[in-house]
Amino acid sequence: DFAGKYSLKIEFRPFIEIQGVSYKDFR
């Protein structure tokens, strides 16, 4: 909404990601 209203460039980029711990490491 405000990107269009004010003629802004907005980029979305996740800076973190989730990785599951292996069952071996959990044990």
PDB file of all heavy atoms in Angstrom:
ATOM      1  N   ASP A   1       0.828  -1.205   0.000  1.00  0.00           N
ATOM      2  CA  ASP A   1       0.000   0.000   0.000  1.00  0.00           C
ATOM      3  C   ASP A   1       0.858   1.249   0.000  1.00  0.00           C
ATOM      4  O   ASP A   1       0.722   2.118  -0.873  1.00  0.00           O
ATOM      5  CB  ASP A   1      -0.934  -0.018   1.208  1.00  0.00           C
ATOM      6  CG  ASP A   1      -1.847   1.203   1.229  1.00  0.00           C
ATOM      7  OD1 ASP A   1      -2.411   1.533   0.171  1.00  0.00           O
ATOM      8  OD2 ASP A   1      -1.994   1.825   2.300  1.00  0.00           O
ATOM      9  N   PHE A   2       1.808   1.337   0.959  1.00  0.00           N
ATOM     10  CA  PHE A   2       2.583   2.585   1.007  1.00  0.00           C
ATOM     11  C   PHE A   2       3.689   2.614  -0.049  1.00  0.00           C
ATOM     12  O   PHE A   2       4.159   3.684  -0.431  1.00  0.00           O
ATOM     13  CB  PHE A   2       3.089   2.907   2.416  1.00  0.00           C
ATOM     14  CG  PHE A   2       4.242   2.097   2.939  1.00  0.00           C
ATOM     15  CD1 PHE A   2       5.517   2.238   2.433  1.00  0.00           C
ATOM     16  CD2 PHE A   2       4.061   1.218   4.000  1.00  0.00           C
ATOM     17  CE1 PHE A   2       6.578   1.523   2.941  1.00  0.00           C
ATOM     18  CE2 PHE A   2       5.111   0.490   4.518  1.00  0.00           C
ATOM     19  CZ  PHE A   2       6.378   0.644   3.978  1.00  0.00           C
ATOM     20  N   ALA A   3       4.105   1.459  -0.553  1.00  0.00           N
ATOM     21  CA  ALA A   3       5.084   1.453  -1.648  1.00  0.00           C
ATOM     22  C   ALA A   3       4.491   2.111  -2.885  1.00  0.00           C
ATOM     23  O   ALA A   3       5.143   2.928  -3.547  1.00  0.00           O
ATOM     24  CB  ALA A   3       5.513   0.022  -1.968  1.00  0.00           C
ATOM     25  N   GLY A   4       3.216   1.783  -3.181  1.00  0.00           N
ATOM     26  CA  GLY A   4       2.555   2.408  -4.319  1.00  0.00           C
ATOM     27  C   GLY A   4       2.236   3.865  -4.067  1.00  0.00           C
ATOM     28  O   GLY A   4       2.384   4.709  -4.952  1.00  0.00           O
ATOM     29  N   LYS A   5       1.836   4.153  -2.837  1.00  0.00           N
ATOM     30  CA  LYS A   5       1.435   5.514  -2.485  1.00  0.00           C
ATOM     31  C   LYS A   5       2.598   6.500  -2.608  1.00  0.00           C
ATOM     32  O   LYS A   5       2.428   7.639  -3.060  1.00  0.00           O
ATOM     33  CB  LYS A   5       0.896   5.530  -1.052  1.00  0.00           C
ATOM     34  CG  LYS A   5       0.269   6.842  -0.631  1.00  0.00           C
ATOM     35  CD  LYS A   5      -0.095   6.834   0.853  1.00  0.00           C
ATOM     36  CE  LYS A   5      -1.067   5.739   1.204  1.00  0.00           C
ATOM     37  NZ  LYS A   5      -1.455   5.779   2.648  1.00  0.00           N
ATOM     38  N   TYR A   6       3.805   6.055  -2.216  1.00  0.00           N
ATOM     39  CA  TYR A   6       4.957   6.963  -2.204  1.00  0.00           C
ATOM     40  C   TYR A   6       5.992   6.630  -3.271  1.00  0.00           C
ATOM     41  O   TYR A   6       7.115   7.136  -3.233  1.00  0.00           O
ATOM     42  CB  TYR A   6       5.611   6.935  -0.816  1.00  0.00           C
ATOM     43  CG  TYR A   6       4.640   7.209   0.305  1.00  0.00           C
ATOM     44  CD1 TYR A   6       4.448   6.279   1.331  1.00  0.00           C
ATOM     45  CD2 TYR A   6       3.886   8.379   0.338  1.00  0.00           C
ATOM     46  CE1 TYR A   6       3.551   6.514   2.360  1.00  0.00           C
ATOM     47  CE2 TYR A   6       2.982   8.621   1.361  1.00  0.00           C
ATOM     48  CZ  TYR A   6       2.814   7.681   2.364  1.00  0.00           C
ATOM     49  OH  TYR A   6       1.916   7.914   3.377  1.00  0.00           O
ATOM     50  N   SER A   7       5.641   5.742  -4.211  1.00  0.00           N
ATOM     51  CA  SER A   7       6.541   5.370  -5.328  1.00  0.00           C
ATOM     52  C   SER A   7       7.885   4.851  -4.808  1.00  0.00           C
ATOM     53  O   SER A   7       8.959   5.322  -5.206  1.00  0.00           O
ATOM     54  CB  SER A   7       6.759   6.560  -6.263  1.00  0.00           C
ATOM     55  OG  SER A   7       5.532   6.992  -6.806  1.00  0.00           O
ATOM     56  N   LEU A   8       7.819   3.874  -3.904  1.00  0.00           N
ATOM     57  CA  LEU A   8       9.018   3.305  -3.300  1.00  0.00           C
ATOM     58  C   LEU A   8       9.327   1.932  -3.880  1.00  0.00           C
ATOM     59  O   LEU A   8       8.427   1.185  -4.272  1.00  0.00           O
ATOM     60  CB  LEU A   8       8.830   3.146  -1.790  1.00  0.00           C
ATOM     61  CG  LEU A   8       8.558   4.403  -0.970  1.00  0.00           C
ATOM     62  CD1 LEU A   8       8.201   4.010   0.451  1.00  0.00           C
ATOM     63  CD2 LEU A   8       9.756   5.323  -0.980  1.00  0.00           C
ATOM     64  N   LYS A   9      10.589   1.605  -3.905  1.00  0.00           N
ATOM     65  CA  LYS A   9      11.024   0.240  -4.232  1.00  0.00           C
ATOM     66  C   LYS A   9      11.177  -0.521  -2.913  1.00  0.00           C
ATOM     67  O   LYS A   9      11.938  -0.102  -2.039  1.00  0.00           O
ATOM     68  CB  LYS A   9      12.352   0.265  -4.977  1.00  0.00           C
ATOM     69  CG  LYS A   9      12.986  -1.116  -5.140  1.00  0.00           C
ATOM     70  CD  LYS A   9      14.430  -1.005  -5.586  1.00  0.00           C
ATOM     71  CE  LYS A   9      15.120  -2.365  -5.552  1.00  0.00           C
ATOM     72  NZ  LYS A   9      16.574  -2.260  -5.846  1.00  0.00           N
ATOM     73  N   ILE A  10      10.440  -1.631  -2.771  1.00  0.00           N
ATOM     74  CA  ILE A  10      10.584  -2.473  -1.584  1.00  0.00           C
ATOM     75  C   ILE A  10      10.960  -3.877  -2.028  1.00  0.00           C
ATOM     76  O   ILE A  10      10.286  -4.478  -2.863  1.00  0.00           O
ATOM     77  CB  ILE A  10       9.285  -2.530  -0.752  1.00  0.00           C
ATOM     78  CG1 ILE A  10       8.911  -1.140  -0.240  1.00  0.00           C
ATOM     79  CG2 ILE A  10       9.447  -3.491   0.420  1.00  0.00           C
ATOM     80  CD1 ILE A  10       7.715  -1.117   0.693  1.00  0.00           C
ATOM     81  N   GLU A  11      12.044  -4.380  -1.470  1.00  0.00           N
ATOM     82  CA  GLU A  11      12.472  -5.752  -1.758  1.00  0.00           C
ATOM     83  C   GLU A  11      12.385  -6.580  -0.477  1.00  0.00           C
ATOM     84  O   GLU A  11      12.786  -6.106   0.598  1.00  0.00           O
ATOM     85  CB  GLU A  11      13.897  -5.781  -2.306  1.00  0.00           C
ATOM     86  CG  GLU A  11      14.348  -7.186  -2.695  1.00  0.00           C
ATOM     87  CD  GLU A  11      15.623  -7.199  -3.514  1.00  0.00           C
ATOM     88  OE1 GLU A  11      15.918  -6.188  -4.190  1.00  0.00           O
ATOM     89  OE2 GLU A  11      16.331  -8.226  -3.487  1.00  0.00           O
ATOM     90  N   PHE A  12      11.879  -7.794  -0.602  1.00  0.00           N
ATOM     91  CA  PHE A  12      11.777  -8.711   0.526  1.00  0.00           C
ATOM     92  C   PHE A  12      12.813  -9.816   0.354  1.00  0.00           C
ATOM     93  O   PHE A  12      12.854 -10.465  -0.696  1.00  0.00           O
ATOM     94  CB  PHE A  12      10.376  -9.315   0.608  1.00  0.00           C
ATOM     95  CG  PHE A  12       9.283  -8.296   0.811  1.00  0.00           C
ATOM     96  CD1 PHE A  12       8.654  -7.706  -0.279  1.00  0.00           C
ATOM     97  CD2 PHE A  12       8.908  -7.910   2.091  1.00  0.00           C
ATOM     98  CE1 PHE A  12       7.656  -6.756  -0.097  1.00  0.00           C
ATOM     99  CE2 PHE A  12       7.911  -6.960   2.288  1.00  0.00           C
ATOM    100  CZ  PHE A  12       7.290  -6.389   1.184  1.00  0.00           C
ATOM    101  N   ARG A  13      13.618 -10.027   1.381  1.00  0.00           N
ATOM    102  CA  ARG A  13      14.642 -11.071   1.314  1.00  0.00           C
ATOM    103  C   ARG A  13      14.854 -11.641   2.722  1.00  0.00           C
ATOM    104  O   ARG A  13      15.353 -10.930   3.613  1.00  0.00           O
ATOM    105  CB  ARG A  13      15.957 -10.482   0.789  1.00  0.00           C
ATOM    106  CG  ARG A  13      17.076 -11.478   0.574  1.00  0.00           C
ATOM    107  CD  ARG A  13      16.841 -12.337  -0.663  1.00  0.00           C
ATOM    108  NE  ARG A  13      17.994 -13.196  -0.891  1.00  0.00           N
ATOM    109  CZ  ARG A  13      18.986 -12.917  -1.736  1.00  0.00           C
ATOM    110  NH1 ARG A  13      18.938 -11.784  -2.453  1.00  0.00           N
ATOM    111  NH2 ARG A  13      19.997 -13.735  -1.898  1.00  0.00           N
ATOM    112  N   PRO A  14      14.464 -12.889   2.964  1.00  0.00           N
ATOM    113  CA  PRO A  14      14.679 -13.473   4.298  1.00  0.00           C
ATOM    114  C   PRO A  14      16.172 -13.534   4.623  1.00  0.00           C
ATOM    115  O   PRO A  14      16.961 -14.066   3.835  1.00  0.00           O
ATOM    116  CB  PRO A  14      14.078 -14.882   4.176  1.00  0.00           C
ATOM    117  CG  PRO A  14      13.182 -14.830   2.988  1.00  0.00           C
ATOM    118  CD  PRO A  14      13.787 -13.827   2.046  1.00  0.00           C
ATOM    119  N   PHE A  15      16.546 -13.005   5.768  1.00  0.00           N
ATOM    120  CA  PHE A  15      17.947 -13.003   6.175  1.00  0.00           C
ATOM    121  C   PHE A  15      18.305 -14.248   6.990  1.00  0.00           C
ATOM    122  O   PHE A  15      19.482 -14.494   7.239  1.00  0.00           O
ATOM    123  CB  PHE A  15      18.262 -11.742   6.987  1.00  0.00           C
ATOM    124  CG  PHE A  15      18.784 -10.595   6.153  1.00  0.00           C
ATOM    125  CD1 PHE A  15      18.236 -10.316   4.907  1.00  0.00           C
ATOM    126  CD2 PHE A  15      19.812  -9.793   6.621  1.00  0.00           C
ATOM    127  CE1 PHE A  15      18.704  -9.267   4.139  1.00  0.00           C
ATOM    128  CE2 PHE A  15      20.296  -8.741   5.863  1.00  0.00           C
ATOM    129  CZ  PHE A  15      19.745  -8.473   4.618  1.00  0.00           C
ATOM    130  N   ILE A  16      17.298 -14.981   7.446  1.00  0.00           N
ATOM    131  CA  ILE A  16      17.564 -16.194   8.221  1.00  0.00           C
ATOM    132  C   ILE A  16      16.694 -17.331   7.693  1.00  0.00           C
ATOM    133  O   ILE A  16      15.686 -17.100   7.026  1.00  0.00           O
ATOM    134  CB  ILE A  16      17.279 -15.995   9.728  1.00  0.00           C
ATOM    135  CG1 ILE A  16      15.818 -15.573   9.950  1.00  0.00           C
ATOM    136  CG2 ILE A  16      18.247 -14.989  10.335  1.00  0.00           C
ATOM    137  CD1 ILE A  16      15.422 -15.466  11.407  1.00  0.00           C
ATOM    138  N   GLU A  17      17.122 -18.561   7.961  1.00  0.00           N
ATOM    139  CA  GLU A  17      16.329 -19.724   7.595  1.00  0.00           C
ATOM    140  C   GLU A  17      16.399 -20.750   8.712  1.00  0.00           C
ATOM    141  O   GLU A  17      17.314 -20.715   9.551  1.00  0.00           O
ATOM    142  CB  GLU A  17      16.794 -20.324   6.272  1.00  0.00           C
ATOM    143  CG  GLU A  17      18.241 -20.761   6.248  1.00  0.00           C
ATOM    144  CD  GLU A  17      18.657 -21.262   4.869  1.00  0.00           C
ATOM    145  OE1 GLU A  17      18.416 -20.557   3.873  1.00  0.00           O
ATOM    146  OE2 GLU A  17      19.234 -22.360   4.808  1.00  0.00           O
ATOM    147  N   ILE A  18      15.410 -21.613   8.728  1.00  0.00           N
ATOM    148  CA  ILE A  18      15.308 -22.630   9.768  1.00  0.00           C
ATOM    149  C   ILE A  18      15.764 -23.979   9.211  1.00  0.00           C
ATOM    150  O   ILE A  18      15.308 -24.393   8.140  1.00  0.00           O
ATOM    151  CB  ILE A  18      13.866 -22.745  10.294  1.00  0.00           C
ATOM    152  CG1 ILE A  18      13.384 -21.402  10.856  1.00  0.00           C
ATOM    153  CG2 ILE A  18      13.756 -23.846  11.344  1.00  0.00           C
ATOM    154  CD1 ILE A  18      14.173 -20.895  12.033  1.00  0.00           C
ATOM    155  N   GLN A  19      16.650 -24.644   9.922  1.00  0.00           N
ATOM    156  CA  GLN A  19      17.100 -25.982   9.548  1.00  0.00           C
ATOM    157  C   GLN A  19      16.846 -26.934  10.705  1.00  0.00           C
ATOM    158  O   GLN A  19      17.176 -26.637  11.852  1.00  0.00           O
ATOM    159  CB  GLN A  19      18.588 -25.979   9.196  1.00  0.00           C
ATOM    160  CG  GLN A  19      18.935 -25.181   7.949  1.00  0.00           C
ATOM    161  CD  GLN A  19      20.420 -25.208   7.643  1.00  0.00           C
ATOM    162  OE1 GLN A  19      21.230 -25.711   8.423  1.00  0.00           O
ATOM    163  NE2 GLN A  19      20.790 -24.667   6.488  1.00  0.00           N
ATOM    164  N   GLY A  20      16.241 -28.061  10.404  1.00  0.00           N
ATOM    165  CA  GLY A  20      15.959 -29.039  11.439  1.00  0.00           C
ATOM    166  C   GLY A  20      17.212 -29.742  11.915  1.00  0.00           C
ATOM    167  O   GLY A  20      18.116 -30.044  11.130  1.00  0.00           O
ATOM    168  N   VAL A  21      17.291 -29.979  13.222  1.00  0.00           N
ATOM    169  CA  VAL A  21      18.379 -30.781  13.793  1.00  0.00           C
ATOM    170  C   VAL A  21      18.127 -32.238  13.415  1.00  0.00           C
ATOM    171  O   VAL A  21      17.004 -32.728  13.499  1.00  0.00           O
ATOM    172  CB  VAL A  21      18.419 -30.611  15.330  1.00  0.00           C
ATOM    173  CG1 VAL A  21      19.347 -31.626  15.971  1.00  0.00           C
ATOM    174  CG2 VAL A  21      18.837 -29.190  15.687  1.00  0.00           C
ATOM    175  N   SER A  22      19.150 -32.943  12.980  1.00  0.00           N
ATOM    176  CA  SER A  22      18.978 -34.345  12.606  1.00  0.00           C
ATOM    177  C   SER A  22      18.631 -35.184  13.835  1.00  0.00           C
ATOM    178  O   SER A  22      18.967 -34.814  14.973  1.00  0.00           O
ATOM    179  CB  SER A  22      20.246 -34.897  11.958  1.00  0.00           C
ATOM    180  OG  SER A  22      21.291 -35.005  12.921  1.00  0.00           O
ATOM    181  N   TYR A  23      17.973 -36.290  13.601  1.00  0.00           N
ATOM    182  CA  TYR A  23      17.627 -37.178  14.714  1.00  0.00           C
ATOM    183  C   TYR A  23      18.888 -37.676  15.414  1.00  0.00           C
ATOM    184  O   TYR A  23      18.923 -37.801  16.646  1.00  0.00           O
ATOM    185  CB  TYR A  23      16.788 -38.351  14.209  1.00  0.00           C
ATOM    186  CG  TYR A  23      16.419 -39.342  15.281  1.00  0.00           C
ATOM    187  CD1 TYR A  23      15.757 -38.922  16.442  1.00  0.00           C
ATOM    188  CD2 TYR A  23      16.732 -40.690  15.160  1.00  0.00           C
ATOM    189  CE1 TYR A  23      15.422 -39.826  17.445  1.00  0.00           C
ATOM    190  CE2 TYR A  23      16.399 -41.600  16.149  1.00  0.00           C
ATOM    191  CZ  TYR A  23      15.744 -41.165  17.286  1.00  0.00           C
ATOM    192  OH  TYR A  23      15.415 -42.057  18.280  1.00  0.00           O
ATOM    193  N   LYS A  24      19.929 -37.908  14.632  1.00  0.00           N
ATOM    194  CA  LYS A  24      21.205 -38.354  15.205  1.00  0.00           C
ATOM    195  C   LYS A  24      21.745 -37.318  16.195  1.00  0.00           C
ATOM    196  O   LYS A  24      22.177 -37.660  17.305  1.00  0.00           O
ATOM    197  CB  LYS A  24      22.216 -38.607  14.091  1.00  0.00           C
ATOM    198  CG  LYS A  24      23.588 -39.055  14.576  1.00  0.00           C
ATOM    199  CD  LYS A  24      24.542 -39.258  13.400  1.00  0.00           C
ATOM    200  CE  LYS A  24      25.928 -39.655  13.883  1.00  0.00           C
ATOM    201  NZ  LYS A  24      26.869 -39.831  12.744  1.00  0.00           N
ATOM    202  N   ASP A  25      21.708 -36.037  15.792  1.00  0.00           N
ATOM    203  CA  ASP A  25      22.206 -34.984  16.683  1.00  0.00           C
ATOM    204  C   ASP A  25      21.270 -34.763  17.862  1.00  0.00           C
ATOM    205  O   ASP A  25      21.715 -34.434  18.970  1.00  0.00           O
ATOM    206  CB  ASP A  25      22.392 -33.679  15.913  1.00  0.00           C
ATOM    207  CG  ASP A  25      23.606 -33.718  14.994  1.00  0.00           C
ATOM    208  OD1 ASP A  25      24.499 -34.552  15.240  1.00  0.00           O
ATOM    209  OD2 ASP A  25      23.655 -32.925  14.032  1.00  0.00           O
ATOM    210  N   PHE A  26      19.963 -34.935  17.620  1.00  0.00           N
ATOM    211  CA  PHE A  26      19.025 -34.804  18.733  1.00  0.00           C
ATOM    212  C   PHE A  26      19.317 -35.866  19.803  1.00  0.00           C
ATOM    213  O   PHE A  26      19.269 -35.573  21.005  1.00  0.00           O
ATOM    214  CB  PHE A  26      17.583 -34.952  18.238  1.00  0.00           C
ATOM    215  CG  PHE A  26      16.586 -35.088  19.359  1.00  0.00           C
ATOM    216  CD1 PHE A  26      16.255 -34.002  20.157  1.00  0.00           C
ATOM    217  CD2 PHE A  26      16.007 -36.322  19.650  1.00  0.00           C
ATOM    218  CE1 PHE A  26      15.359 -34.139  21.221  1.00  0.00           C
ATOM    219  CE2 PHE A  26      15.115 -36.461  20.693  1.00  0.00           C
ATOM    220  CZ  PHE A  26      14.786 -35.371  21.483  1.00  0.00           C
ATOM    221  N   ARG A  27      19.607 -37.059  19.399  1.00  0.00           N
ATOM    222  CA  ARG A  27      19.875 -38.146  20.349  1.00  0.00           C
ATOM    223  C   ARG A  27      21.078 -37.836  21.239  1.00  0.00           C
ATOM    224  O   ARG A  27      21.139 -38.282  22.387  1.00  0.00           O
ATOM    225  CB  ARG A  27      20.103 -39.461  19.608  1.00  0.00           C
ATOM    226  CG  ARG A  27      18.838 -40.041  18.985  1.00  0.00           C
ATOM    227  CD  ARG A  27      19.113 -41.363  18.317  1.00  0.00           C
ATOM    228  NE  ARG A  27      19.577 -42.362  19.277  1.00  0.00           N
ATOM    229  CZ  ARG A  27      20.006 -43.571  18.930  1.00  0.00           C
ATOM    230  NH1 ARG A  27      20.075 -43.912  17.648  1.00  0.00           N
ATOM    231  NH2 ARG A  27      20.400 -44.429  19.853  1.00  0.00           N
TER     232      ARG A  27
END
